[in-house]
Amino acid sequence: MLIIMKQKAAQESIDKVIEYIKKRGFDAHVSNGELHTVIGAVGNKIIDKRDIELLDGVEEVIRISTGFKLTSRVFQAEDTVIEVNGVKFGGDYTGLIAGPCTVESYEQTDKTAEALEKSNVKILRGGAFKPRTSPYAFQGLGEEGLKIIRSVADNHNMAVTSEIMEISQIPMFLKYVDILQIGARNMQNYNLLKEVGMLNKPVLLKRGLSSTFEEWLMSAEYIMSGGNRQVILCERGIRTFERYTRNTLDLSAIPVIKKLSHLPIIIDPSHGTGLRDKVAPMSRAAVAAGCDGLIIEVHYDADNALCDGAQSLYPDEYNKLYQEIKQIAPIINKIID
């Protein structure tokens, strides 16, 4: 349930409400809005909401029927804005992330980052551990790949995002990565979600291949219930019967998620289409639809990439796209740095 405090409710009253619900077995999650403080009481206990409404400073108590509570607009009406290395996701902002699918070598990563720096990229993506469908495909360089992308990013004043696959990797990733990426195959790895929920580190949560919006938001709920409010949702395409694209990029996720949740939603057109010539038009469409960011695969020698070269842009193609979306964003009152 949500406990909405009166405007300018005293901190003492807020603290007493928190203490009251905790004593009755609920977890308390506080959201400070422009007008009201909202306390989310999360738990499976039975309590008469009238008892809470009688507490000093309480204006209204609302029961939430959906399973996702902390991620919902009911809990927080204002958009969550997450900032990493000066790049903002959410609200009026559309943040950009770019880089190779996989870290192959220092030279490959550095050449790509050097080219992207000219397009004002401030967050570099690159996989070190790759969950591949085939056990014979390139699986990434492991920790050595994380060391490379961290070194390259530091040289170009960039932040790093990379995909984490299991709990045991957390200490390693905390040393090298600024945004922890949880891939589609791990969206319902609840033990991993719980662990990253206890970290003070942004998490980029991709939608599962066949997951509904509610299932996606419930996975985000696992992270937020642990105390980590820095969740960025990422639509990366879903599995359908279509074979002309790698996946079906579901841009309807943008208005749906924005209605249901305050969390920022970004789009991955590279995995969503799997084809280089489809990435730019879907990126433009995503920005026009109001997405809060894009994560795009770029490789300085895409045709010879070890992983997903067919869906990776060349740096000059990315720069052209960057100039295009900078013109689209202001039309819908969005800001791209």
C-alpha atoms as a PDB file:
ATOM      1  CA  MET A   1       0.000   0.000   0.000  1.00  0.00           C
ATOM      2  CA  LEU A   2       0.977   3.630  -0.415  1.00  0.00           C
ATOM      3  CA  ILE A   3       0.801   6.107   2.427  1.00  0.00           C
ATOM      4  CA  ILE A   4       0.562   9.670   1.151  1.00  0.00           C
ATOM      5  CA  MET A   5       1.588  12.234   3.716  1.00  0.00           C
ATOM      6  CA  LYS A   6       0.072  15.705   3.912  1.00  0.00           C
ATOM      7  CA  GLN A   7       1.856  18.639   2.334  1.00  0.00           C
ATOM      8  CA  LYS A   8       4.654  19.869   4.592  1.00  0.00           C
ATOM      9  CA  ALA A   9       4.148  16.945   6.986  1.00  0.00           C
ATOM     10  CA  ALA A  10       6.699  17.120   9.790  1.00  0.00           C
ATOM     11  CA  GLN A  11       9.640  14.733   9.606  1.00  0.00           C
ATOM     12  CA  GLU A  12       8.672  13.500  13.050  1.00  0.00           C
ATOM     13  CA  SER A  13       5.264  12.417  11.686  1.00  0.00           C
ATOM     14  CA  ILE A  14       6.897  10.691   8.720  1.00  0.00           C
ATOM     15  CA  ASP A  15       9.294   8.830  10.993  1.00  0.00           C
ATOM     16  CA  LYS A  16       6.458   7.681  13.241  1.00  0.00           C
ATOM     17  CA  VAL A  17       4.509   6.282  10.257  1.00  0.00           C
ATOM     18  CA  ILE A  18       7.607   4.423   9.079  1.00  0.00           C
ATOM     19  CA  GLU A  19       8.146   3.001  12.551  1.00  0.00           C
ATOM     20  CA  TYR A  20       4.483   2.012  12.761  1.00  0.00           C
ATOM     21  CA  ILE A  21       4.436  -0.008   9.549  1.00  0.00           C
ATOM     22  CA  LYS A  22       7.824  -1.613  10.215  1.00  0.00           C
ATOM     23  CA  LYS A  23       6.585  -2.896  13.572  1.00  0.00           C
ATOM     24  CA  ARG A  24       3.762  -4.595  11.704  1.00  0.00           C
ATOM     25  CA  GLY A  25       6.102  -6.456   9.380  1.00  0.00           C
ATOM     26  CA  PHE A  26       6.236  -4.164   6.357  1.00  0.00           C
ATOM     27  CA  ASP A  27       9.267  -2.787   4.532  1.00  0.00           C
ATOM     28  CA  ALA A  28       9.149   0.993   4.161  1.00  0.00           C
ATOM     29  CA  HIS A  29      10.243   2.732   0.954  1.00  0.00           C
ATOM     30  CA  VAL A  30      10.147   6.524   0.970  1.00  0.00           C
ATOM     31  CA  SER A  31       9.699   8.755  -2.090  1.00  0.00           C
ATOM     32  CA  ASN A  32       9.960  12.510  -1.605  1.00  0.00           C
ATOM     33  CA  GLY A  33       7.875  14.271  -4.263  1.00  0.00           C
ATOM     34  CA  GLU A  34       7.491  17.976  -4.947  1.00  0.00           C
ATOM     35  CA  LEU A  35       4.323  18.228  -2.833  1.00  0.00           C
ATOM     36  CA  HIS A  36       4.018  15.032  -0.838  1.00  0.00           C
ATOM     37  CA  THR A  37       6.159  12.394   0.788  1.00  0.00           C
ATOM     38  CA  VAL A  38       4.951   8.933  -0.205  1.00  0.00           C
ATOM     39  CA  ILE A  39       5.751   5.858   1.888  1.00  0.00           C
ATOM     40  CA  GLY A  40       5.468   2.497   0.199  1.00  0.00           C
ATOM     41  CA  ALA A  41       4.553  -0.271   2.659  1.00  0.00           C
ATOM     42  CA  VAL A  42       5.607  -3.521   1.022  1.00  0.00           C
ATOM     43  CA  GLY A  43       4.727  -6.899   2.517  1.00  0.00           C
ATOM     44  CA  ASN A  44       2.142  -9.635   2.713  1.00  0.00           C
ATOM     45  CA  LYS A  45       0.747  -8.765   6.131  1.00  0.00           C
ATOM     46  CA  ILE A  46      -2.892  -7.873   6.768  1.00  0.00           C
ATOM     47  CA  ILE A  47      -3.514  -4.437   8.169  1.00  0.00           C
ATOM     48  CA  ASP A  48      -6.534  -2.134   8.350  1.00  0.00           C
ATOM     49  CA  LYS A  49      -5.638   0.959   6.369  1.00  0.00           C
ATOM     50  CA  ARG A  50      -7.955   3.027   8.579  1.00  0.00           C
ATOM     51  CA  ASP A  51      -5.506   2.573  11.453  1.00  0.00           C
ATOM     52  CA  ILE A  52      -2.799   4.211   9.366  1.00  0.00           C
ATOM     53  CA  GLU A  53      -5.068   7.012   8.186  1.00  0.00           C
ATOM     54  CA  LEU A  54      -5.541   8.038  11.808  1.00  0.00           C
ATOM     55  CA  LEU A  55      -1.805   8.648  12.270  1.00  0.00           C
ATOM     56  CA  ASP A  56      -0.640  12.251  12.447  1.00  0.00           C
ATOM     57  CA  GLY A  57       0.313  13.739   9.058  1.00  0.00           C
ATOM     58  CA  VAL A  58      -1.292  11.031   6.900  1.00  0.00           C
ATOM     59  CA  GLU A  59      -3.493  12.311   4.106  1.00  0.00           C
ATOM     60  CA  GLU A  60      -4.466   9.107   2.276  1.00  0.00           C
ATOM     61  CA  VAL A  61      -3.728   5.371   2.146  1.00  0.00           C
ATOM     62  CA  ILE A  62      -4.003   3.610  -1.216  1.00  0.00           C
ATOM     63  CA  ARG A  63      -3.888  -0.128  -1.752  1.00  0.00           C
ATOM     64  CA  ILE A  64      -2.017  -1.180  -4.903  1.00  0.00           C
ATOM     65  CA  SER A  65      -3.526  -4.121  -6.734  1.00  0.00           C
ATOM     66  CA  THR A  66      -0.609  -4.665  -9.127  1.00  0.00           C
ATOM     67  CA  GLY A  67       2.372  -6.788  -8.161  1.00  0.00           C
ATOM     68  CA  PHE A  68       4.825  -4.020  -9.049  1.00  0.00           C
ATOM     69  CA  LYS A  69       4.605  -1.289  -6.467  1.00  0.00           C
ATOM     70  CA  LEU A  70       7.896   0.594  -6.183  1.00  0.00           C
ATOM     71  CA  THR A  71       8.241   0.793  -9.969  1.00  0.00           C
ATOM     72  CA  SER A  72       4.711   2.122 -10.472  1.00  0.00           C
ATOM     73  CA  ARG A  73       3.517   5.637 -11.194  1.00  0.00           C
ATOM     74  CA  VAL A  74       1.270   5.362  -8.162  1.00  0.00           C
ATOM     75  CA  PHE A  75       4.291   5.142  -5.875  1.00  0.00           C
ATOM     76  CA  GLN A  76       6.131   7.947  -7.663  1.00  0.00           C
ATOM     77  CA  ALA A  77       4.392  10.283 -10.093  1.00  0.00           C
ATOM     78  CA  GLU A  78       7.554  12.112 -11.193  1.00  0.00           C
ATOM     79  CA  ASP A  79       9.946  10.555 -13.697  1.00  0.00           C
ATOM     80  CA  THR A  80      13.090   9.049 -12.244  1.00  0.00           C
ATOM     81  CA  VAL A  81      16.172  10.637 -13.811  1.00  0.00           C
ATOM     82  CA  ILE A  82      19.423   8.693 -13.596  1.00  0.00           C
ATOM     83  CA  GLU A  83      22.714  10.439 -14.341  1.00  0.00           C
ATOM     84  CA  VAL A  84      25.988   8.709 -15.216  1.00  0.00           C
ATOM     85  CA  ASN A  85      29.075  10.663 -16.264  1.00  0.00           C
ATOM     86  CA  GLY A  86      26.959  13.692 -17.097  1.00  0.00           C
ATOM     87  CA  VAL A  87      24.519  11.683 -19.230  1.00  0.00           C
ATOM     88  CA  LYS A  88      20.900  11.743 -18.035  1.00  0.00           C
ATOM     89  CA  PHE A  89      18.220   9.129 -18.660  1.00  0.00           C
ATOM     90  CA  GLY A  90      14.578   9.963 -17.951  1.00  0.00           C
ATOM     91  CA  GLY A  91      12.386  13.012 -17.655  1.00  0.00           C
ATOM     92  CA  ASP A  92      13.335  15.554 -20.320  1.00  0.00           C
ATOM     93  CA  TYR A  93      16.516  13.709 -21.245  1.00  0.00           C
ATOM     94  CA  THR A  94      17.493  11.086 -23.806  1.00  0.00           C
ATOM     95  CA  GLY A  95      20.868   9.552 -22.962  1.00  0.00           C
ATOM     96  CA  LEU A  96      23.150   7.756 -25.403  1.00  0.00           C
ATOM     97  CA  ILE A  97      25.323   4.669 -24.956  1.00  0.00           C
ATOM     98  CA  ALA A  98      27.462   3.211 -27.745  1.00  0.00           C
ATOM     99  CA  GLY A  99      30.314   0.814 -28.336  1.00  0.00           C
ATOM    100  CA  PRO A 100      31.194  -2.637 -29.606  1.00  0.00           C
ATOM    101  CA  CYS A 101      29.134  -5.719 -28.850  1.00  0.00           C
ATOM    102  CA  THR A 102      32.221  -7.432 -27.469  1.00  0.00           C
ATOM    103  CA  VAL A 103      35.627  -6.319 -26.257  1.00  0.00           C
ATOM    104  CA  GLU A 104      37.971  -8.119 -28.641  1.00  0.00           C
ATOM    105  CA  SER A 105      41.270  -6.341 -27.968  1.00  0.00           C
ATOM    106  CA  TYR A 106      42.653  -3.056 -26.655  1.00  0.00           C
ATOM    107  CA  GLU A 107      43.212  -1.764 -30.186  1.00  0.00           C
ATOM    108  CA  GLN A 108      39.670  -2.588 -31.325  1.00  0.00           C
ATOM    109  CA  THR A 109      38.077  -1.001 -28.265  1.00  0.00           C
ATOM    110  CA  ASP A 110      40.303   2.070 -28.317  1.00  0.00           C
ATOM    111  CA  LYS A 111      39.812   2.785 -32.020  1.00  0.00           C
ATOM    112  CA  THR A 112      36.055   2.519 -31.618  1.00  0.00           C
ATOM    113  CA  ALA A 113      36.023   4.733 -28.514  1.00  0.00           C
ATOM    114  CA  GLU A 114      38.252   7.322 -30.179  1.00  0.00           C
ATOM    115  CA  ALA A 115      35.823   7.594 -33.076  1.00  0.00           C
ATOM    116  CA  LEU A 116      32.787   7.732 -30.774  1.00  0.00           C
ATOM    117  CA  GLU A 117      34.336  10.476 -28.673  1.00  0.00           C
ATOM    118  CA  LYS A 118      33.942  12.760 -31.692  1.00  0.00           C
ATOM    119  CA  SER A 119      30.189  12.074 -31.531  1.00  0.00           C
ATOM    120  CA  ASN A 120      30.090  13.107 -27.860  1.00  0.00           C
ATOM    121  CA  VAL A 121      29.627   9.554 -26.531  1.00  0.00           C
ATOM    122  CA  LYS A 122      30.246   9.552 -22.779  1.00  0.00           C
ATOM    123  CA  ILE A 123      29.192   5.992 -21.913  1.00  0.00           C
ATOM    124  CA  LEU A 124      30.984   3.101 -23.612  1.00  0.00           C
ATOM    125  CA  ARG A 125      29.363  -0.323 -23.906  1.00  0.00           C
ATOM    126  CA  GLY A 126      31.226  -3.582 -24.465  1.00  0.00           C
ATOM    127  CA  GLY A 127      30.756  -7.185 -23.412  1.00  0.00           C
ATOM    128  CA  ALA A 128      33.425  -9.120 -21.552  1.00  0.00           C
ATOM    129  CA  PHE A 129      31.228 -12.120 -20.718  1.00  0.00           C
ATOM    130  CA  LYS A 130      28.915 -13.080 -23.566  1.00  0.00           C
ATOM    131  CA  PRO A 131      25.915 -15.407 -23.086  1.00  0.00           C
ATOM    132  CA  ARG A 132      25.856 -17.029 -26.515  1.00  0.00           C
ATOM    133  CA  THR A 133      23.290 -19.495 -27.836  1.00  0.00           C
ATOM    134  CA  SER A 134      26.071 -21.690 -29.221  1.00  0.00           C
ATOM    135  CA  PRO A 135      28.783 -22.957 -26.847  1.00  0.00           C
ATOM    136  CA  TYR A 136      31.223 -22.688 -29.754  1.00  0.00           C
ATOM    137  CA  ALA A 137      30.693 -18.973 -30.350  1.00  0.00           C
ATOM    138  CA  PHE A 138      33.057 -16.347 -28.952  1.00  0.00           C
ATOM    139  CA  GLN A 139      32.312 -16.047 -25.229  1.00  0.00           C
ATOM    140  CA  GLY A 140      34.285 -12.885 -24.490  1.00  0.00           C
ATOM    141  CA  LEU A 141      37.617 -12.162 -22.806  1.00  0.00           C
ATOM    142  CA  GLY A 142      36.326 -12.289 -19.239  1.00  0.00           C
ATOM    143  CA  GLU A 143      38.015 -10.074 -16.665  1.00  0.00           C
ATOM    144  CA  GLU A 144      40.715  -9.131 -19.154  1.00  0.00           C
ATOM    145  CA  GLY A 145      37.959  -7.611 -21.305  1.00  0.00           C
ATOM    146  CA  LEU A 146      36.715  -5.561 -18.351  1.00  0.00           C
ATOM    147  CA  LYS A 147      40.245  -4.291 -17.711  1.00  0.00           C
ATOM    148  CA  ILE A 148      40.565  -3.249 -21.349  1.00  0.00           C
ATOM    149  CA  ILE A 149      37.263  -1.373 -21.566  1.00  0.00           C
ATOM    150  CA  ARG A 150      37.901   0.356 -18.235  1.00  0.00           C
ATOM    151  CA  SER A 151      41.327   1.517 -19.375  1.00  0.00           C
ATOM    152  CA  VAL A 152      40.007   2.700 -22.739  1.00  0.00           C
ATOM    153  CA  ALA A 153      37.049   4.484 -21.143  1.00  0.00           C
ATOM    154  CA  ASP A 154      39.300   6.286 -18.675  1.00  0.00           C
ATOM    155  CA  ASN A 155      41.542   7.460 -21.521  1.00  0.00           C
ATOM    156  CA  HIS A 156      38.531   8.969 -23.290  1.00  0.00           C
ATOM    157  CA  ASN A 157      36.680  10.267 -20.212  1.00  0.00           C
ATOM    158  CA  MET A 158      33.882   7.740 -20.612  1.00  0.00           C
ATOM    159  CA  ALA A 159      31.846   5.607 -18.235  1.00  0.00           C
ATOM    160  CA  VAL A 160      31.434   1.845 -18.791  1.00  0.00           C
ATOM    161  CA  THR A 161      28.460  -0.491 -19.043  1.00  0.00           C
ATOM    162  CA  SER A 162      28.866  -4.241 -19.473  1.00  0.00           C
ATOM    163  CA  GLU A 163      26.734  -7.325 -18.944  1.00  0.00           C
ATOM    164  CA  ILE A 164      26.991  -9.288 -15.703  1.00  0.00           C
ATOM    165  CA  MET A 165      25.892 -12.917 -15.778  1.00  0.00           C
ATOM    166  CA  GLU A 166      26.055 -14.262 -12.232  1.00  0.00           C
ATOM    167  CA  ILE A 167      26.327 -13.291  -8.566  1.00  0.00           C
ATOM    168  CA  SER A 168      29.943 -14.384  -8.220  1.00  0.00           C
ATOM    169  CA  GLN A 169      30.991 -11.731 -10.749  1.00  0.00           C
ATOM    170  CA  ILE A 170      29.700  -8.789  -8.696  1.00  0.00           C
ATOM    171  CA  PRO A 171      32.978  -7.942  -6.847  1.00  0.00           C
ATOM    172  CA  MET A 172      34.820  -8.006 -10.184  1.00  0.00           C
ATOM    173  CA  PHE A 173      32.281  -5.787 -11.952  1.00  0.00           C
ATOM    174  CA  LEU A 174      32.277  -3.233  -9.152  1.00  0.00           C
ATOM    175  CA  LYS A 175      35.953  -2.593  -9.906  1.00  0.00           C
ATOM    176  CA  TYR A 176      35.476  -1.816 -13.582  1.00  0.00           C
ATOM    177  CA  VAL A 177      31.858  -1.005 -14.475  1.00  0.00           C
ATOM    178  CA  ASP A 178      29.672   2.060 -13.877  1.00  0.00           C
ATOM    179  CA  ILE A 179      26.348   0.574 -15.076  1.00  0.00           C
ATOM    180  CA  LEU A 180      25.614  -3.103 -14.479  1.00  0.00           C
ATOM    181  CA  GLN A 181      23.778  -4.560 -17.453  1.00  0.00           C
ATOM    182  CA  ILE A 182      21.463  -7.534 -16.940  1.00  0.00           C
ATOM    183  CA  GLY A 183      20.696  -9.221 -20.239  1.00  0.00           C
ATOM    184  CA  ALA A 184      17.449 -10.635 -21.573  1.00  0.00           C
ATOM    185  CA  ARG A 185      18.364 -14.196 -20.576  1.00  0.00           C
ATOM    186  CA  ASN A 186      18.896 -13.123 -16.959  1.00  0.00           C
ATOM    187  CA  MET A 187      15.856 -10.868 -16.587  1.00  0.00           C
ATOM    188  CA  GLN A 188      14.238 -13.460 -14.313  1.00  0.00           C
ATOM    189  CA  ASN A 189      17.394 -14.539 -12.523  1.00  0.00           C
ATOM    190  CA  TYR A 190      15.864 -13.440  -9.245  1.00  0.00           C
ATOM    191  CA  ASN A 191      18.873 -14.231  -7.072  1.00  0.00           C
ATOM    192  CA  LEU A 192      21.027 -11.957  -9.232  1.00  0.00           C
ATOM    193  CA  LEU A 193      18.352  -9.251  -9.190  1.00  0.00           C
ATOM    194  CA  LYS A 194      18.235  -9.366  -5.391  1.00  0.00           C
ATOM    195  CA  GLU A 195      22.001  -8.994  -5.125  1.00  0.00           C
ATOM    196  CA  VAL A 196      22.300  -6.015  -7.478  1.00  0.00           C
ATOM    197  CA  GLY A 197      19.347  -4.525  -5.614  1.00  0.00           C
ATOM    198  CA  MET A 198      21.614  -4.131  -2.596  1.00  0.00           C
ATOM    199  CA  LEU A 199      24.247  -2.180  -4.542  1.00  0.00           C
ATOM    200  CA  ASN A 200      24.594   1.568  -5.000  1.00  0.00           C
ATOM    201  CA  LYS A 201      25.144   1.196  -8.732  1.00  0.00           C
ATOM    202  CA  PRO A 202      22.856   1.857 -11.736  1.00  0.00           C
ATOM    203  CA  VAL A 203      21.379  -1.279 -13.315  1.00  0.00           C
ATOM    204  CA  LEU A 204      20.323  -1.548 -16.956  1.00  0.00           C
ATOM    205  CA  LEU A 205      17.643  -4.238 -17.071  1.00  0.00           C
ATOM    206  CA  LYS A 206      16.833  -5.681 -20.489  1.00  0.00           C
ATOM    207  CA  ARG A 207      13.431  -7.154 -21.285  1.00  0.00           C
ATOM    208  CA  GLY A 208      13.317 -10.930 -21.631  1.00  0.00           C
ATOM    209  CA  LEU A 209      12.868 -12.484 -25.066  1.00  0.00           C
ATOM    210  CA  SER A 210       9.265 -13.510 -24.362  1.00  0.00           C
ATOM    211  CA  SER A 211       8.440 -11.420 -21.302  1.00  0.00           C
ATOM    212  CA  THR A 212       5.358  -9.315 -20.732  1.00  0.00           C
ATOM    213  CA  PHE A 213       5.552  -5.727 -19.514  1.00  0.00           C
ATOM    214  CA  GLU A 214       4.321  -6.820 -16.096  1.00  0.00           C
ATOM    215  CA  GLU A 215       6.980  -9.528 -15.799  1.00  0.00           C
ATOM    216  CA  TRP A 216       9.612  -6.978 -16.787  1.00  0.00           C
ATOM    217  CA  LEU A 217       8.439  -4.487 -14.169  1.00  0.00           C
ATOM    218  CA  MET A 218       8.281  -7.247 -11.556  1.00  0.00           C
ATOM    219  CA  SER A 219      11.953  -7.981 -12.245  1.00  0.00           C
ATOM    220  CA  ALA A 220      12.708  -4.288 -11.730  1.00  0.00           C
ATOM    221  CA  GLU A 221      10.703  -4.532  -8.505  1.00  0.00           C
ATOM    222  CA  TYR A 222      13.146  -7.148  -7.215  1.00  0.00           C
ATOM    223  CA  ILE A 223      15.995  -4.671  -7.673  1.00  0.00           C
ATOM    224  CA  MET A 224      14.162  -1.714  -6.162  1.00  0.00           C
ATOM    225  CA  SER A 225      12.870  -3.695  -3.194  1.00  0.00           C
ATOM    226  CA  GLY A 226      16.498  -4.225  -2.190  1.00  0.00           C
ATOM    227  CA  GLY A 227      16.966  -0.475  -1.959  1.00  0.00           C
ATOM    228  CA  ASN A 228      18.534   0.271  -5.355  1.00  0.00           C
ATOM    229  CA  ARG A 229      16.389   2.907  -7.099  1.00  0.00           C
ATOM    230  CA  GLN A 230      18.776   3.346 -10.053  1.00  0.00           C
ATOM    231  CA  VAL A 231      17.070   1.082 -12.589  1.00  0.00           C
ATOM    232  CA  ILE A 232      17.047   1.747 -16.328  1.00  0.00           C
ATOM    233  CA  LEU A 233      14.694  -0.427 -18.372  1.00  0.00           C
ATOM    234  CA  CYS A 234      15.832  -1.505 -21.836  1.00  0.00           C
ATOM    235  CA  GLU A 235      13.600  -2.785 -24.641  1.00  0.00           C
ATOM    236  CA  ARG A 236      15.771  -4.985 -26.883  1.00  0.00           C
ATOM    237  CA  GLY A 237      13.194  -6.771 -29.022  1.00  0.00           C
ATOM    238  CA  ILE A 238      11.029  -9.809 -28.341  1.00  0.00           C
ATOM    239  CA  ARG A 239      10.803 -13.216 -30.003  1.00  0.00           C
ATOM    240  CA  THR A 240       8.009 -13.546 -32.560  1.00  0.00           C
ATOM    241  CA  PHE A 241       7.345 -15.560 -35.705  1.00  0.00           C
ATOM    242  CA  GLU A 242       9.090 -12.969 -37.921  1.00  0.00           C
ATOM    243  CA  ARG A 243      12.359 -14.000 -39.588  1.00  0.00           C
ATOM    244  CA  TYR A 244      13.307 -10.880 -41.544  1.00  0.00           C
ATOM    245  CA  THR A 245      14.694  -9.329 -38.368  1.00  0.00           C
ATOM    246  CA  ARG A 246      16.585 -10.917 -35.491  1.00  0.00           C
ATOM    247  CA  ASN A 247      13.839  -9.923 -33.045  1.00  0.00           C
ATOM    248  CA  THR A 248      10.719  -7.772 -33.193  1.00  0.00           C
ATOM    249  CA  LEU A 249      11.555  -4.392 -31.688  1.00  0.00           C
ATOM    250  CA  ASP A 250       8.508  -3.442 -29.619  1.00  0.00           C
ATOM    251  CA  LEU A 251       8.431   0.353 -29.612  1.00  0.00           C
ATOM    252  CA  SER A 252       4.976   0.263 -28.015  1.00  0.00           C
ATOM    253  CA  ALA A 253       6.942  -0.448 -24.839  1.00  0.00           C
ATOM    254  CA  ILE A 254       7.813   3.247 -24.635  1.00  0.00           C
ATOM    255  CA  PRO A 255       4.293   4.685 -24.082  1.00  0.00           C
ATOM    256  CA  VAL A 256       3.161   1.619 -22.113  1.00  0.00           C
ATOM    257  CA  ILE A 257       6.059   1.714 -19.654  1.00  0.00           C
ATOM    258  CA  LYS A 258       5.871   5.487 -19.336  1.00  0.00           C
ATOM    259  CA  LYS A 259       2.233   5.175 -18.270  1.00  0.00           C
ATOM    260  CA  LEU A 260       2.859   2.330 -15.833  1.00  0.00           C
ATOM    261  CA  SER A 261       6.238   3.306 -14.393  1.00  0.00           C
ATOM    262  CA  HIS A 262       8.392   6.274 -13.459  1.00  0.00           C
ATOM    263  CA  LEU A 263      11.587   4.444 -14.474  1.00  0.00           C
ATOM    264  CA  PRO A 264      13.475   5.529 -17.607  1.00  0.00           C
ATOM    265  CA  ILE A 265      13.162   3.275 -20.659  1.00  0.00           C
ATOM    266  CA  ILE A 266      15.844   3.072 -23.327  1.00  0.00           C
ATOM    267  CA  ILE A 267      15.895   1.189 -26.633  1.00  0.00           C
ATOM    268  CA  ASP A 268      18.434  -1.259 -28.083  1.00  0.00           C
ATOM    269  CA  PRO A 269      17.819  -1.163 -31.860  1.00  0.00           C
ATOM    270  CA  SER A 270      20.920  -3.262 -32.572  1.00  0.00           C
ATOM    271  CA  HIS A 271      19.646  -6.438 -30.899  1.00  0.00           C
ATOM    272  CA  GLY A 272      16.082  -5.450 -31.679  1.00  0.00           C
ATOM    273  CA  THR A 273      16.631  -5.712 -35.435  1.00  0.00           C
ATOM    274  CA  GLY A 274      19.940  -7.529 -35.871  1.00  0.00           C
ATOM    275  CA  LEU A 275      20.584  -5.684 -39.131  1.00  0.00           C
ATOM    276  CA  ARG A 276      22.775  -2.626 -39.593  1.00  0.00           C
ATOM    277  CA  ASP A 277      20.492  -0.894 -42.094  1.00  0.00           C
ATOM    278  CA  LYS A 278      17.536  -1.167 -39.695  1.00  0.00           C
ATOM    279  CA  VAL A 279      19.294   0.396 -36.690  1.00  0.00           C
ATOM    280  CA  ALA A 280      19.116   4.058 -37.771  1.00  0.00           C
ATOM    281  CA  PRO A 281      15.415   4.154 -38.756  1.00  0.00           C
ATOM    282  CA  MET A 282      14.357   2.339 -35.565  1.00  0.00           C
ATOM    283  CA  SER A 283      16.538   4.678 -33.503  1.00  0.00           C
ATOM    284  CA  ARG A 284      14.883   7.696 -35.069  1.00  0.00           C
ATOM    285  CA  ALA A 285      11.460   6.168 -34.443  1.00  0.00           C
ATOM    286  CA  ALA A 286      12.341   5.406 -30.813  1.00  0.00           C
ATOM    287  CA  VAL A 287      13.421   8.990 -30.157  1.00  0.00           C
ATOM    288  CA  ALA A 288      10.253  10.289 -31.832  1.00  0.00           C
ATOM    289  CA  ALA A 289       8.219   7.979 -29.577  1.00  0.00           C
ATOM    290  CA  GLY A 290       9.825   9.551 -26.499  1.00  0.00           C
ATOM    291  CA  CYS A 291      12.403   7.014 -25.331  1.00  0.00           C
ATOM    292  CA  ASP A 292      14.789   8.038 -22.555  1.00  0.00           C
ATOM    293  CA  GLY A 293      17.884   6.707 -24.279  1.00  0.00           C
ATOM    294  CA  LEU A 294      19.509   4.500 -26.895  1.00  0.00           C
ATOM    295  CA  ILE A 295      22.186   1.825 -26.569  1.00  0.00           C
ATOM    296  CA  ILE A 296      23.757   1.137 -29.955  1.00  0.00           C
ATOM    297  CA  GLU A 297      26.464  -1.244 -31.113  1.00  0.00           C
ATOM    298  CA  VAL A 298      29.305   0.468 -32.987  1.00  0.00           C
ATOM    299  CA  HIS A 299      32.539  -1.111 -34.256  1.00  0.00           C
ATOM    300  CA  TYR A 300      35.319   0.589 -36.199  1.00  0.00           C
ATOM    301  CA  ASP A 301      35.640  -2.540 -38.402  1.00  0.00           C
ATOM    302  CA  ALA A 302      32.141  -3.983 -38.155  1.00  0.00           C
ATOM    303  CA  ASP A 303      32.413  -6.407 -41.072  1.00  0.00           C
ATOM    304  CA  ASN A 304      35.244  -8.226 -39.294  1.00  0.00           C
ATOM    305  CA  ALA A 305      33.814  -8.126 -35.755  1.00  0.00           C
ATOM    306  CA  LEU A 306      33.999 -11.334 -33.726  1.00  0.00           C
ATOM    307  CA  CYS A 307      30.422 -10.859 -32.507  1.00  0.00           C
ATOM    308  CA  ASP A 308      27.295  -9.291 -34.048  1.00  0.00           C
ATOM    309  CA  GLY A 309      29.095  -7.315 -36.744  1.00  0.00           C
ATOM    310  CA  ALA A 310      25.996  -7.443 -38.949  1.00  0.00           C
ATOM    311  CA  GLN A 311      24.071  -5.271 -36.485  1.00  0.00           C
ATOM    312  CA  SER A 312      26.910  -2.895 -35.615  1.00  0.00           C
ATOM    313  CA  LEU A 313      27.191   0.575 -37.117  1.00  0.00           C
ATOM    314  CA  TYR A 314      30.431   2.047 -38.378  1.00  0.00           C
ATOM    315  CA  PRO A 315      31.452   5.219 -36.495  1.00  0.00           C
ATOM    316  CA  ASP A 316      30.547   7.515 -39.402  1.00  0.00           C
ATOM    317  CA  GLU A 317      27.088   5.903 -39.565  1.00  0.00           C
ATOM    318  CA  TYR A 318      26.644   6.473 -35.847  1.00  0.00           C
ATOM    319  CA  ASN A 319      27.700  10.108 -36.158  1.00  0.00           C
ATOM    320  CA  LYS A 320      25.169  10.663 -38.950  1.00  0.00           C
ATOM    321  CA  LEU A 321      22.459   9.095 -36.780  1.00  0.00           C
ATOM    322  CA  TYR A 322      23.540  11.242 -33.823  1.00  0.00           C
ATOM    323  CA  GLN A 323      23.048  14.399 -35.874  1.00  0.00           C
ATOM    324  CA  GLU A 324      19.611  13.186 -37.002  1.00  0.00           C
ATOM    325  CA  ILE A 325      18.239  12.347 -33.575  1.00  0.00           C
ATOM    326  CA  LYS A 326      19.531  15.645 -32.208  1.00  0.00           C
ATOM    327  CA  GLN A 327      17.082  17.293 -34.604  1.00  0.00           C
ATOM    328  CA  ILE A 328      14.186  14.976 -33.681  1.00  0.00           C
ATOM    329  CA  ALA A 329      14.463  15.195 -29.896  1.00  0.00           C
ATOM    330  CA  PRO A 330      13.558  18.911 -29.469  1.00  0.00           C
ATOM    331  CA  ILE A 331      10.310  18.363 -31.389  1.00  0.00           C
ATOM    332  CA  ILE A 332       9.015  16.272 -28.490  1.00  0.00           C
ATOM    333  CA  ASN A 333      10.732  18.454 -25.849  1.00  0.00           C
ATOM    334  CA  LYS A 334      13.593  16.044 -25.213  1.00  0.00           C
ATOM    335  CA  ILE A 335      17.250  16.958 -24.666  1.00  0.00           C
ATOM    336  CA  ILE A 336      20.179  15.026 -26.150  1.00  0.00           C
ATOM    337  CA  ASP A 337      23.629  16.185 -25.063  1.00  0.00           C
END
